[in-house]
Amino acid sequence: MVATAVGVATVAGGVYGASQSKKAANKAADAQSEASQAGIDEQRRQFDKVQELLSPYVKAGTGSLAAQQNLIGLNGAKAQQAAIDALRASPAYTSAMRSGTDTINANASATGGLRGGNTQEALGRFGGDLLTNLVQSQFSNLGGLTNLGQNSAAQTGSAAMSSGNNIAGLLQQQGAAQAGGYIATGNANSQIANSLTSGLGAFLGAGGKF
């Protein structure tokens, strides 16, 4: 009778211990999994913020690249002509053209050659040179924006790679935690089964009957 009681106590203790171990393992796995998920969510939030901050610069660079392509004819003759016409109609051109023309005419008037061929040639050459210089200046200015956009796009890509690598690592931790929980549960269940089997053997060995 004493042996039977001892056997029952042993079985109960083993089952209880294994059950508590399983609960603790599951809680630990859940806690680690939740921590990894929180890290994943934060990584994604930070990347979204970086992308949001750099987006205006990427868009500006994309637009300036298209404008550069228009100026040098990569998007077709029609687009190139439209870009040049827009420059010719811009305040930068019209103001400089007016100022330069007034200067040439004033010099010609002072020297008595206002209606001479040289003056007309100078006026014609001035307009063409002015437009050429303005096109080159515009292309250079747009190039600064294009480079800014390119750098911003590269930073966005770098942030995406970094975030992706960090998330991959956290997902591995999350998977490892879940796997560890499953293994611990399996071990605990095996321990319960062993305790029951051992207790049953002790019960029968002590002459117990069902």
N, C-alpha and C. Protein backbone atom coordinates (compact mmCIF):
# COMPACT_ATOMS: atom_id res chain seq x y z
N MET A 1 0.84 -1.21 0.00
CA MET A 1 0.00 0.00 0.00
C MET A 1 0.87 1.25 0.00
N VAL A 2 1.93 1.22 0.83
CA VAL A 2 2.85 2.34 0.90
C VAL A 2 3.56 2.54 -0.43
N ALA A 3 3.96 1.40 -1.05
CA ALA A 3 4.65 1.46 -2.34
C ALA A 3 3.74 2.05 -3.41
N THR A 4 2.45 1.65 -3.31
CA THR A 4 1.49 2.18 -4.28
C THR A 4 1.34 3.68 -4.14
N ALA A 5 1.27 4.14 -2.91
CA ALA A 5 1.13 5.56 -2.65
C ALA A 5 2.35 6.33 -3.14
N VAL A 6 3.51 5.72 -2.88
CA VAL A 6 4.75 6.36 -3.34
C VAL A 6 4.78 6.44 -4.86
N GLY A 7 4.34 5.37 -5.50
CA GLY A 7 4.31 5.34 -6.96
C GLY A 7 3.38 6.41 -7.51
N VAL A 8 2.21 6.53 -6.90
CA VAL A 8 1.24 7.54 -7.35
C VAL A 8 1.82 8.94 -7.16
N ALA A 9 2.47 9.16 -6.04
CA ALA A 9 3.06 10.47 -5.76
C ALA A 9 4.15 10.79 -6.76
N THR A 10 4.93 9.75 -7.08
CA THR A 10 6.02 9.95 -8.05
C THR A 10 5.47 10.32 -9.41
N VAL A 11 4.41 9.59 -9.83
CA VAL A 11 3.78 9.87 -11.11
C VAL A 11 3.20 11.29 -11.12
N ALA A 12 2.49 11.62 -10.07
CA ALA A 12 1.87 12.95 -9.98
C ALA A 12 2.92 14.05 -10.04
N GLY A 13 4.03 13.84 -9.32
CA GLY A 13 5.10 14.84 -9.30
C GLY A 13 5.73 14.99 -10.68
N GLY A 14 5.95 13.85 -11.33
CA GLY A 14 6.56 13.90 -12.66
C GLY A 14 5.65 14.58 -13.67
N VAL A 15 4.37 14.24 -13.61
CA VAL A 15 3.41 14.83 -14.54
C VAL A 15 3.29 16.33 -14.30
N TYR A 16 3.21 16.71 -13.02
CA TYR A 16 3.08 18.14 -12.69
C TYR A 16 4.32 18.92 -13.14
N GLY A 17 5.49 18.36 -12.84
CA GLY A 17 6.73 19.04 -13.22
C GLY A 17 6.84 19.21 -14.73
N ALA A 18 6.49 18.17 -15.47
CA ALA A 18 6.56 18.24 -16.92
C ALA A 18 5.55 19.24 -17.47
N SER A 19 4.38 19.27 -16.86
CA SER A 19 3.34 20.20 -17.29
C SER A 19 3.77 21.64 -17.06
N GLN A 20 4.38 21.92 -15.91
CA GLN A 20 4.85 23.27 -15.62
C GLN A 20 6.00 23.67 -16.55
N SER A 21 6.85 22.68 -16.82
CA SER A 21 7.96 22.94 -17.74
C SER A 21 7.45 23.30 -19.13
N LYS A 22 6.40 22.59 -19.56
CA LYS A 22 5.82 22.85 -20.87
C LYS A 22 5.21 24.25 -20.91
N LYS A 23 4.49 24.64 -19.85
CA LYS A 23 3.89 25.96 -19.81
C LYS A 23 4.96 27.06 -19.84
N ALA A 24 6.03 26.85 -19.06
CA ALA A 24 7.09 27.84 -19.01
C ALA A 24 7.77 27.98 -20.37
N ALA A 25 8.00 26.83 -21.03
CA ALA A 25 8.64 26.86 -22.35
C ALA A 25 7.77 27.58 -23.37
N ASN A 26 6.47 27.33 -23.32
CA ASN A 26 5.55 27.99 -24.25
C ASN A 26 5.49 29.49 -24.00
N LYS A 27 5.49 29.88 -22.73
CA LYS A 27 5.48 31.32 -22.40
C LYS A 27 6.75 32.00 -22.89
N ALA A 28 7.89 31.32 -22.68
CA ALA A 28 9.16 31.89 -23.12
C ALA A 28 9.20 32.03 -24.64
N ALA A 29 8.69 31.01 -25.33
CA ALA A 29 8.67 31.04 -26.80
C ALA A 29 7.76 32.16 -27.29
N ASP A 30 6.61 32.30 -26.64
CA ASP A 30 5.67 33.36 -27.03
C ASP A 30 6.28 34.74 -26.80
N ALA A 31 6.95 34.91 -25.66
CA ALA A 31 7.56 36.20 -25.33
C ALA A 31 8.64 36.56 -26.34
N GLN A 32 9.49 35.58 -26.69
CA GLN A 32 10.55 35.85 -27.66
C GLN A 32 9.97 36.13 -29.04
N SER A 33 8.92 35.40 -29.39
CA SER A 33 8.28 35.61 -30.69
C SER A 33 7.65 37.00 -30.77
N GLU A 34 7.01 37.42 -29.68
CA GLU A 34 6.40 38.75 -29.64
C GLU A 34 7.47 39.85 -29.71
N ALA A 35 8.60 39.62 -29.04
CA ALA A 35 9.68 40.60 -29.09
C ALA A 35 10.24 40.72 -30.51
N SER A 36 10.39 39.58 -31.17
CA SER A 36 10.88 39.60 -32.55
C SER A 36 9.89 40.31 -33.46
N GLN A 37 8.59 40.08 -33.25
CA GLN A 37 7.58 40.73 -34.08
C GLN A 37 7.58 42.23 -33.86
N ALA A 38 7.80 42.64 -32.60
CA ALA A 38 7.88 44.07 -32.31
C ALA A 38 9.07 44.69 -33.04
N GLY A 39 10.18 43.96 -33.07
CA GLY A 39 11.35 44.44 -33.79
C GLY A 39 11.09 44.54 -35.29
N ILE A 40 10.39 43.56 -35.84
CA ILE A 40 10.04 43.58 -37.26
C ILE A 40 9.16 44.78 -37.58
N ASP A 41 8.16 45.01 -36.75
CA ASP A 41 7.25 46.14 -36.97
C ASP A 41 8.00 47.47 -36.91
N GLU A 42 8.95 47.58 -35.98
CA GLU A 42 9.72 48.82 -35.84
C GLU A 42 10.65 49.03 -37.04
N GLN A 43 11.25 47.95 -37.51
CA GLN A 43 12.11 48.04 -38.69
C GLN A 43 11.30 48.54 -39.89
N ARG A 44 10.13 48.00 -40.06
CA ARG A 44 9.28 48.43 -41.18
C ARG A 44 8.85 49.89 -41.02
N ARG A 45 8.54 50.28 -39.79
CA ARG A 45 8.12 51.66 -39.54
C ARG A 45 9.26 52.63 -39.85
N GLN A 46 10.46 52.27 -39.44
CA GLN A 46 11.62 53.13 -39.68
C GLN A 46 11.91 53.24 -41.18
N PHE A 47 11.80 52.12 -41.91
CA PHE A 47 12.04 52.17 -43.35
C PHE A 47 11.00 53.04 -44.04
N ASP A 48 9.74 52.90 -43.63
CA ASP A 48 8.68 53.73 -44.23
C ASP A 48 8.96 55.20 -43.99
N LYS A 49 9.50 55.52 -42.80
CA LYS A 49 9.81 56.92 -42.48
C LYS A 49 10.95 57.43 -43.36
N VAL A 50 11.98 56.61 -43.53
CA VAL A 50 13.11 57.01 -44.39
C VAL A 50 12.63 57.22 -45.82
N GLN A 51 11.81 56.30 -46.29
CA GLN A 51 11.28 56.40 -47.66
C GLN A 51 10.44 57.66 -47.82
N GLU A 52 9.66 57.98 -46.80
CA GLU A 52 8.82 59.18 -46.84
C GLU A 52 9.68 60.45 -46.89
N LEU A 53 10.76 60.48 -46.10
CA LEU A 53 11.62 61.65 -46.05
C LEU A 53 12.39 61.86 -47.36
N LEU A 54 12.80 60.77 -48.00
CA LEU A 54 13.60 60.88 -49.22
C LEU A 54 12.77 60.95 -50.49
N SER A 55 11.49 60.65 -50.38
CA SER A 55 10.62 60.59 -51.56
C SER A 55 10.61 61.89 -52.37
N PRO A 56 10.52 63.08 -51.74
CA PRO A 56 10.51 64.32 -52.54
C PRO A 56 11.78 64.50 -53.37
N TYR A 57 12.92 64.09 -52.81
CA TYR A 57 14.19 64.24 -53.53
C TYR A 57 14.29 63.25 -54.69
N VAL A 58 13.78 62.04 -54.45
CA VAL A 58 13.76 61.04 -55.53
C VAL A 58 12.87 61.52 -56.67
N LYS A 59 11.71 62.07 -56.33
CA LYS A 59 10.79 62.57 -57.36
C LYS A 59 11.40 63.75 -58.12
N ALA A 60 12.06 64.66 -57.39
CA ALA A 60 12.70 65.81 -58.04
C ALA A 60 13.78 65.34 -59.00
N GLY A 61 14.56 64.36 -58.57
CA GLY A 61 15.62 63.84 -59.42
C GLY A 61 15.08 63.14 -60.65
N THR A 62 13.97 62.43 -60.49
CA THR A 62 13.35 61.74 -61.62
C THR A 62 12.85 62.76 -62.65
N GLY A 63 12.22 63.83 -62.16
CA GLY A 63 11.73 64.87 -63.06
C GLY A 63 12.85 65.61 -63.77
N SER A 64 13.93 65.90 -63.04
CA SER A 64 15.05 66.63 -63.65
C SER A 64 15.77 65.78 -64.68
N LEU A 65 15.83 64.48 -64.46
CA LEU A 65 16.45 63.59 -65.44
C LEU A 65 15.67 63.61 -66.75
N ALA A 66 14.34 63.57 -66.64
CA ALA A 66 13.50 63.63 -67.84
C ALA A 66 13.69 64.96 -68.56
N ALA A 67 13.83 66.06 -67.79
CA ALA A 67 14.03 67.38 -68.39
C ALA A 67 15.38 67.45 -69.11
N GLN A 68 16.40 66.84 -68.53
CA GLN A 68 17.71 66.79 -69.18
C GLN A 68 17.63 66.02 -70.50
N GLN A 69 16.92 64.90 -70.45
CA GLN A 69 16.77 64.09 -71.65
C GLN A 69 16.02 64.86 -72.74
N ASN A 70 15.05 65.66 -72.34
CA ASN A 70 14.33 66.49 -73.31
C ASN A 70 15.27 67.50 -73.96
N LEU A 71 16.09 68.15 -73.15
CA LEU A 71 16.98 69.20 -73.67
C LEU A 71 17.97 68.67 -74.70
N ILE A 72 18.45 67.44 -74.52
CA ILE A 72 19.45 66.92 -75.45
C ILE A 72 18.84 66.00 -76.50
N GLY A 73 17.51 65.92 -76.53
CA GLY A 73 16.82 65.22 -77.60
C GLY A 73 16.65 63.73 -77.42
N LEU A 74 16.91 63.21 -76.23
CA LEU A 74 16.76 61.76 -76.02
C LEU A 74 15.31 61.32 -76.02
N ASN A 75 14.40 62.26 -75.77
CA ASN A 75 12.97 61.92 -75.78
C ASN A 75 12.29 62.35 -77.08
N GLY A 76 13.10 62.62 -78.09
CA GLY A 76 12.54 62.97 -79.39
C GLY A 76 12.68 64.46 -79.71
N ALA A 77 12.61 64.77 -81.01
CA ALA A 77 12.78 66.15 -81.46
C ALA A 77 11.68 67.06 -80.94
N LYS A 78 10.45 66.55 -80.89
CA LYS A 78 9.33 67.37 -80.44
C LYS A 78 9.52 67.80 -78.99
N ALA A 79 9.93 66.86 -78.15
CA ALA A 79 10.15 67.17 -76.74
C ALA A 79 11.32 68.13 -76.58
N GLN A 80 12.36 67.96 -77.39
CA GLN A 80 13.51 68.85 -77.33
C GLN A 80 13.12 70.28 -77.73
N GLN A 81 12.34 70.40 -78.81
CA GLN A 81 11.92 71.73 -79.26
C GLN A 81 11.05 72.42 -78.22
N ALA A 82 10.18 71.63 -77.58
CA ALA A 82 9.32 72.19 -76.54
C ALA A 82 10.14 72.69 -75.37
N ALA A 83 11.18 71.95 -75.01
CA ALA A 83 12.03 72.36 -73.89
C ALA A 83 12.79 73.64 -74.22
N ILE A 84 13.30 73.75 -75.45
CA ILE A 84 14.04 74.94 -75.87
C ILE A 84 13.10 76.14 -75.98
N ASP A 85 11.90 75.92 -76.51
CA ASP A 85 10.92 77.01 -76.61
C ASP A 85 10.55 77.52 -75.23
N ALA A 86 10.45 76.60 -74.27
CA ALA A 86 10.11 77.01 -72.90
C ALA A 86 11.22 77.88 -72.32
N LEU A 87 12.46 77.54 -72.61
CA LEU A 87 13.58 78.37 -72.14
C LEU A 87 13.56 79.74 -72.81
N ARG A 88 13.27 79.76 -74.10
CA ARG A 88 13.24 81.03 -74.83
C ARG A 88 12.15 81.95 -74.30
N ALA A 89 11.08 81.36 -73.79
CA ALA A 89 9.97 82.16 -73.26
C ALA A 89 10.13 82.47 -71.77
N SER A 90 11.18 81.93 -71.16
CA SER A 90 11.36 82.11 -69.71
C SER A 90 11.86 83.51 -69.38
N PRO A 91 11.58 83.99 -68.16
CA PRO A 91 12.09 85.31 -67.75
C PRO A 91 13.61 85.40 -67.79
N ALA A 92 14.28 84.29 -67.54
CA ALA A 92 15.74 84.30 -67.56
C ALA A 92 16.26 84.70 -68.94
N TYR A 93 15.59 84.17 -69.98
CA TYR A 93 16.03 84.49 -71.36
C TYR A 93 15.55 85.88 -71.77
N THR A 94 14.27 86.16 -71.58
CA THR A 94 13.71 87.43 -72.07
C THR A 94 14.36 88.63 -71.38
N SER A 95 14.64 88.49 -70.08
CA SER A 95 15.27 89.60 -69.36
C SER A 95 16.70 89.84 -69.84
N ALA A 96 17.46 88.73 -69.97
CA ALA A 96 18.85 88.86 -70.44
C ALA A 96 18.89 89.34 -71.88
N MET A 97 17.93 88.89 -72.70
CA MET A 97 17.88 89.29 -74.10
C MET A 97 17.60 90.79 -74.21
N ARG A 98 16.66 91.26 -73.41
CA ARG A 98 16.31 92.69 -73.44
C ARG A 98 17.50 93.54 -72.98
N SER A 99 18.13 93.10 -71.90
CA SER A 99 19.27 93.86 -71.37
C SER A 99 20.44 93.88 -72.36
N GLY A 100 20.72 92.69 -72.95
CA GLY A 100 21.83 92.62 -73.90
C GLY A 100 21.56 93.42 -75.16
N THR A 101 20.34 93.36 -75.66
CA THR A 101 19.97 94.12 -76.87
C THR A 101 20.08 95.61 -76.62
N ASP A 102 19.60 96.05 -75.46
CA ASP A 102 19.70 97.48 -75.13
C ASP A 102 21.16 97.92 -75.07
N THR A 103 22.01 97.08 -74.55
CA THR A 103 23.43 97.43 -74.44
C THR A 103 24.08 97.55 -75.82
N ILE A 104 23.76 96.58 -76.69
CA ILE A 104 24.32 96.60 -78.05
C ILE A 104 23.84 97.83 -78.81
N ASN A 105 22.54 98.10 -78.70
CA ASN A 105 21.99 99.27 -79.40
C ASN A 105 22.56 100.58 -78.85
N ALA A 106 22.75 100.63 -77.55
CA ALA A 106 23.30 101.85 -76.93
C ALA A 106 24.72 102.08 -77.41
N ASN A 107 25.50 101.01 -77.49
CA ASN A 107 26.88 101.15 -77.97
C ASN A 107 26.91 101.56 -79.44
N ALA A 108 26.00 100.94 -80.22
CA ALA A 108 25.94 101.28 -81.65
C ALA A 108 25.52 102.72 -81.84
N SER A 109 24.57 103.20 -81.03
CA SER A 109 24.09 104.58 -81.13
C SER A 109 25.20 105.56 -80.78
N ALA A 110 25.98 105.19 -79.80
CA ALA A 110 27.05 106.08 -79.37
C ALA A 110 28.15 106.20 -80.41
N THR A 111 28.28 105.17 -81.23
CA THR A 111 29.34 105.18 -82.25
C THR A 111 28.79 105.49 -83.64
N GLY A 112 27.51 105.77 -83.74
CA GLY A 112 26.91 106.12 -85.01
C GLY A 112 26.63 104.93 -85.91
N GLY A 113 26.60 103.76 -85.37
CA GLY A 113 26.37 102.58 -86.22
C GLY A 113 25.10 101.84 -85.86
N LEU A 114 24.08 102.54 -85.43
CA LEU A 114 22.85 101.91 -84.96
C LEU A 114 22.20 101.04 -86.02
N ARG A 115 22.21 101.51 -87.28
CA ARG A 115 21.54 100.76 -88.34
C ARG A 115 22.53 99.99 -89.23
N GLY A 116 23.74 99.88 -88.79
CA GLY A 116 24.75 99.20 -89.58
C GLY A 116 24.62 97.69 -89.54
N GLY A 117 25.28 97.06 -90.51
CA GLY A 117 25.24 95.59 -90.58
C GLY A 117 25.91 94.93 -89.40
N ASN A 118 26.93 95.54 -88.88
CA ASN A 118 27.62 94.96 -87.73
C ASN A 118 26.71 94.87 -86.50
N THR A 119 25.89 95.90 -86.37
CA THR A 119 24.96 95.91 -85.22
C THR A 119 23.94 94.79 -85.35
N GLN A 120 23.38 94.63 -86.53
CA GLN A 120 22.40 93.57 -86.74
C GLN A 120 23.01 92.19 -86.55
N GLU A 121 24.26 92.05 -87.01
CA GLU A 121 24.96 90.78 -86.83
C GLU A 121 25.20 90.49 -85.35
N ALA A 122 25.58 91.52 -84.63
CA ALA A 122 25.84 91.38 -83.19
C ALA A 122 24.57 91.00 -82.44
N LEU A 123 23.45 91.63 -82.85
CA LEU A 123 22.17 91.30 -82.20
C LEU A 123 21.78 89.86 -82.47
N GLY A 124 21.95 89.41 -83.71
CA GLY A 124 21.60 88.04 -84.05
C GLY A 124 22.48 87.03 -83.34
N ARG A 125 23.78 87.32 -83.31
CA ARG A 125 24.72 86.42 -82.64
C ARG A 125 24.46 86.37 -81.13
N PHE A 126 24.13 87.53 -80.59
CA PHE A 126 23.88 87.59 -79.14
C PHE A 126 22.70 86.70 -78.75
N GLY A 127 21.62 86.74 -79.50
CA GLY A 127 20.45 85.93 -79.17
C GLY A 127 20.75 84.45 -79.22
N GLY A 128 21.49 84.02 -80.25
CA GLY A 128 21.84 82.60 -80.37
C GLY A 128 22.77 82.15 -79.27
N ASP A 129 23.77 82.97 -78.98
CA ASP A 129 24.72 82.61 -77.92
C ASP A 129 24.03 82.56 -76.56
N LEU A 130 23.14 83.53 -76.35
CA LEU A 130 22.42 83.57 -75.08
C LEU A 130 21.60 82.31 -74.88
N LEU A 131 20.89 81.86 -75.92
CA LEU A 131 20.06 80.66 -75.81
C LEU A 131 20.92 79.43 -75.58
N THR A 132 22.05 79.35 -76.30
CA THR A 132 22.95 78.20 -76.11
C THR A 132 23.48 78.14 -74.68
N ASN A 133 23.91 79.28 -74.18
CA ASN A 133 24.41 79.32 -72.80
C ASN A 133 23.34 78.98 -71.79
N LEU A 134 22.12 79.43 -72.06
CA LEU A 134 21.02 79.16 -71.15
C LEU A 134 20.68 77.67 -71.14
N VAL A 135 20.71 77.03 -72.31
CA VAL A 135 20.46 75.58 -72.39
C VAL A 135 21.52 74.82 -71.59
N GLN A 136 22.78 75.21 -71.77
CA GLN A 136 23.86 74.55 -71.05
C GLN A 136 23.74 74.76 -69.54
N SER A 137 23.39 75.98 -69.15
CA SER A 137 23.22 76.28 -67.73
C SER A 137 22.06 75.50 -67.13
N GLN A 138 20.96 75.43 -67.89
CA GLN A 138 19.79 74.70 -67.43
C GLN A 138 20.12 73.21 -67.27
N PHE A 139 20.84 72.66 -68.23
CA PHE A 139 21.22 71.24 -68.15
C PHE A 139 22.08 70.99 -66.92
N SER A 140 23.01 71.90 -66.66
CA SER A 140 23.87 71.76 -65.48
C SER A 140 23.08 71.85 -64.18
N ASN A 141 22.17 72.81 -64.12
CA ASN A 141 21.34 72.96 -62.92
C ASN A 141 20.47 71.73 -62.69
N LEU A 142 19.90 71.22 -63.76
CA LEU A 142 19.09 70.01 -63.65
C LEU A 142 19.94 68.83 -63.21
N GLY A 143 21.22 68.82 -63.65
CA GLY A 143 22.12 67.75 -63.25
C GLY A 143 22.31 67.67 -61.75
N GLY A 144 22.32 68.83 -61.09
CA GLY A 144 22.41 68.84 -59.63
C GLY A 144 21.23 68.15 -58.98
N LEU A 145 20.04 68.43 -59.51
CA LEU A 145 18.84 67.78 -58.97
C LEU A 145 18.83 66.28 -59.29
N THR A 146 19.30 65.94 -60.50
CA THR A 146 19.35 64.53 -60.87
C THR A 146 20.28 63.76 -59.94
N ASN A 147 21.44 64.33 -59.64
CA ASN A 147 22.38 63.68 -58.72
C ASN A 147 21.79 63.55 -57.32
N LEU A 148 21.08 64.60 -56.90
CA LEU A 148 20.43 64.55 -55.59
C LEU A 148 19.41 63.42 -55.54
N GLY A 149 18.62 63.31 -56.60
CA GLY A 149 17.63 62.23 -56.66
C GLY A 149 18.27 60.87 -56.69
N GLN A 150 19.37 60.75 -57.45
CA GLN A 150 20.07 59.47 -57.53
C GLN A 150 20.61 59.07 -56.16
N ASN A 151 21.22 60.01 -55.46
CA ASN A 151 21.75 59.72 -54.13
C ASN A 151 20.63 59.34 -53.16
N SER A 152 19.50 60.03 -53.26
CA SER A 152 18.37 59.74 -52.38
C SER A 152 17.80 58.36 -52.68
N ALA A 153 17.74 58.01 -53.96
CA ALA A 153 17.26 56.68 -54.34
C ALA A 153 18.21 55.61 -53.82
N ALA A 154 19.52 55.89 -53.89
CA ALA A 154 20.51 54.93 -53.39
C ALA A 154 20.38 54.77 -51.87
N GLN A 155 20.14 55.88 -51.18
CA GLN A 155 19.95 55.80 -49.72
C GLN A 155 18.69 55.01 -49.37
N THR A 156 17.63 55.20 -50.17
CA THR A 156 16.41 54.44 -49.94
C THR A 156 16.67 52.95 -50.15
N GLY A 157 17.41 52.63 -51.22
CA GLY A 157 17.74 51.23 -51.48
C GLY A 157 18.59 50.64 -50.38
N SER A 158 19.55 51.42 -49.88
CA SER A 158 20.40 50.94 -48.79
C SER A 158 19.59 50.70 -47.52
N ALA A 159 18.66 51.62 -47.24
CA ALA A 159 17.79 51.45 -46.07
C ALA A 159 16.91 50.21 -46.22
N ALA A 160 16.45 49.97 -47.45
CA ALA A 160 15.62 48.78 -47.70
C ALA A 160 16.41 47.51 -47.48
N MET A 161 17.67 47.48 -47.96
CA MET A 161 18.52 46.31 -47.77
C MET A 161 18.80 46.06 -46.29
N SER A 162 19.13 47.14 -45.58
CA SER A 162 19.42 47.03 -44.15
C SER A 162 18.20 46.54 -43.38
N SER A 163 17.06 47.14 -43.69
CA SER A 163 15.81 46.74 -43.03
C SER A 163 15.48 45.29 -43.35
N GLY A 164 15.66 44.91 -44.62
CA GLY A 164 15.37 43.54 -45.02
C GLY A 164 16.24 42.53 -44.30
N ASN A 165 17.54 42.85 -44.17
CA ASN A 165 18.45 41.95 -43.46
C ASN A 165 18.08 41.84 -41.98
N ASN A 166 17.74 42.97 -41.37
CA ASN A 166 17.36 42.95 -39.96
C ASN A 166 16.07 42.17 -39.75
N ILE A 167 15.11 42.36 -40.64
CA ILE A 167 13.85 41.63 -40.52
C ILE A 167 14.07 40.14 -40.72
N ALA A 168 14.94 39.78 -41.68
CA ALA A 168 15.24 38.37 -41.90
C ALA A 168 15.83 37.73 -40.64
N GLY A 169 16.73 38.48 -39.97
CA GLY A 169 17.31 37.97 -38.73
C GLY A 169 16.27 37.81 -37.64
N LEU A 170 15.37 38.76 -37.54
CA LEU A 170 14.30 38.68 -36.52
C LEU A 170 13.33 37.55 -36.83
N LEU A 171 13.06 37.33 -38.11
CA LEU A 171 12.20 36.21 -38.48
C LEU A 171 12.84 34.88 -38.12
N GLN A 172 14.16 34.80 -38.28
CA GLN A 172 14.86 33.58 -37.88
C GLN A 172 14.76 33.37 -36.38
N GLN A 173 14.92 34.45 -35.62
CA GLN A 173 14.78 34.35 -34.16
C GLN A 173 13.36 33.91 -33.79
N GLN A 174 12.40 34.48 -34.50
CA GLN A 174 11.00 34.14 -34.24
C GLN A 174 10.76 32.66 -34.53
N GLY A 175 11.29 32.19 -35.66
CA GLY A 175 11.14 30.78 -36.01
C GLY A 175 11.83 29.87 -35.02
N ALA A 176 13.04 30.29 -34.57
CA ALA A 176 13.78 29.49 -33.60
C ALA A 176 13.03 29.41 -32.28
N ALA A 177 12.43 30.53 -31.88
CA ALA A 177 11.66 30.54 -30.62
C ALA A 177 10.46 29.60 -30.71
N GLN A 178 9.76 29.65 -31.83
CA GLN A 178 8.60 28.77 -32.00
C GLN A 178 9.02 27.31 -32.06
N ALA A 179 10.13 27.06 -32.78
CA ALA A 179 10.63 25.69 -32.86
C ALA A 179 11.05 25.19 -31.49
N GLY A 180 11.72 26.08 -30.72
CA GLY A 180 12.13 25.70 -29.37
C GLY A 180 10.93 25.38 -28.49
N GLY A 181 9.87 26.15 -28.67
CA GLY A 181 8.65 25.88 -27.91
C GLY A 181 8.05 24.54 -28.26
N TYR A 182 8.03 24.21 -29.55
CA TYR A 182 7.50 22.92 -29.97
C TYR A 182 8.35 21.76 -29.42
N ILE A 183 9.68 21.95 -29.47
CA ILE A 183 10.58 20.90 -28.97
C ILE A 183 10.38 20.71 -27.47
N ALA A 184 10.30 21.85 -26.74
CA ALA A 184 10.11 21.76 -25.29
C ALA A 184 8.78 21.10 -24.97
N THR A 185 7.74 21.41 -25.75
CA THR A 185 6.44 20.78 -25.53
C THR A 185 6.52 19.28 -25.78
N GLY A 186 7.22 18.93 -26.87
CA GLY A 186 7.38 17.50 -27.16
C GLY A 186 8.14 16.78 -26.07
N ASN A 187 9.21 17.42 -25.56
CA ASN A 187 9.97 16.80 -24.48
C ASN A 187 9.14 16.66 -23.21
N ALA A 188 8.33 17.68 -22.93
CA ALA A 188 7.48 17.63 -21.74
C ALA A 188 6.43 16.53 -21.87
N ASN A 189 5.84 16.43 -23.05
CA ASN A 189 4.86 15.36 -23.27
C ASN A 189 5.49 13.99 -23.14
N SER A 190 6.73 13.87 -23.65
CA SER A 190 7.46 12.60 -23.52
C SER A 190 7.74 12.29 -22.06
N GLN A 191 8.08 13.35 -21.29
CA GLN A 191 8.35 13.16 -19.86
C GLN A 191 7.09 12.73 -19.13
N ILE A 192 5.95 13.29 -19.52
CA ILE A 192 4.68 12.89 -18.91
C ILE A 192 4.39 11.43 -19.21
N ALA A 193 4.59 11.06 -20.46
CA ALA A 193 4.35 9.66 -20.84
C ALA A 193 5.28 8.72 -20.09
N ASN A 194 6.55 9.12 -19.96
CA ASN A 194 7.51 8.28 -19.22
C ASN A 194 7.13 8.16 -17.76
N SER A 195 6.66 9.28 -17.19
CA SER A 195 6.25 9.25 -15.79
C SER A 195 5.06 8.33 -15.58
N LEU A 196 4.11 8.41 -16.52
CA LEU A 196 2.94 7.54 -16.41
C LEU A 196 3.32 6.08 -16.58
N THR A 197 4.21 5.82 -17.52
CA THR A 197 4.65 4.44 -17.75
C THR A 197 5.40 3.92 -16.55
N SER A 198 6.31 4.76 -16.01
CA SER A 198 7.08 4.36 -14.83
C SER A 198 6.18 4.12 -13.64
N GLY A 199 5.22 5.01 -13.47
CA GLY A 199 4.29 4.86 -12.34
C GLY A 199 3.41 3.63 -12.48
N LEU A 200 3.01 3.34 -13.72
CA LEU A 200 2.20 2.17 -13.95
C LEU A 200 3.00 0.90 -13.63
N GLY A 201 4.29 0.94 -14.02
CA GLY A 201 5.14 -0.24 -13.74
C GLY A 201 5.31 -0.43 -12.24
N ALA A 202 5.52 0.67 -11.55
CA ALA A 202 5.69 0.59 -10.09
C ALA A 202 4.40 0.11 -9.42
N PHE A 203 3.28 0.56 -9.95
CA PHE A 203 1.99 0.17 -9.39
C PHE A 203 1.74 -1.31 -9.57
N LEU A 204 2.02 -1.80 -10.76
CA LEU A 204 1.82 -3.22 -11.02
C LEU A 204 2.84 -4.06 -10.27
N GLY A 205 4.08 -3.54 -10.18
CA GLY A 205 5.12 -4.28 -9.47
C GLY A 205 4.82 -4.41 -7.99
N ALA A 206 4.08 -3.45 -7.48
CA ALA A 206 3.72 -3.52 -6.06
C ALA A 206 2.47 -4.35 -5.82
N GLY A 207 1.99 -4.99 -6.87
CA GLY A 207 0.82 -5.85 -6.71
C GLY A 207 -0.49 -5.13 -6.92
N GLY A 208 -0.41 -3.94 -7.45
CA GLY A 208 -1.65 -3.22 -7.69
C GLY A 208 -2.45 -3.83 -8.81
N LYS A 209 -3.72 -3.66 -8.73
CA LYS A 209 -4.61 -4.19 -9.76
C LYS A 209 -5.63 -3.12 -10.17
N PHE A 210 -6.07 -3.20 -11.44
CA PHE A 210 -7.12 -2.28 -11.93
C PHE A 210 -8.50 -2.90 -11.69
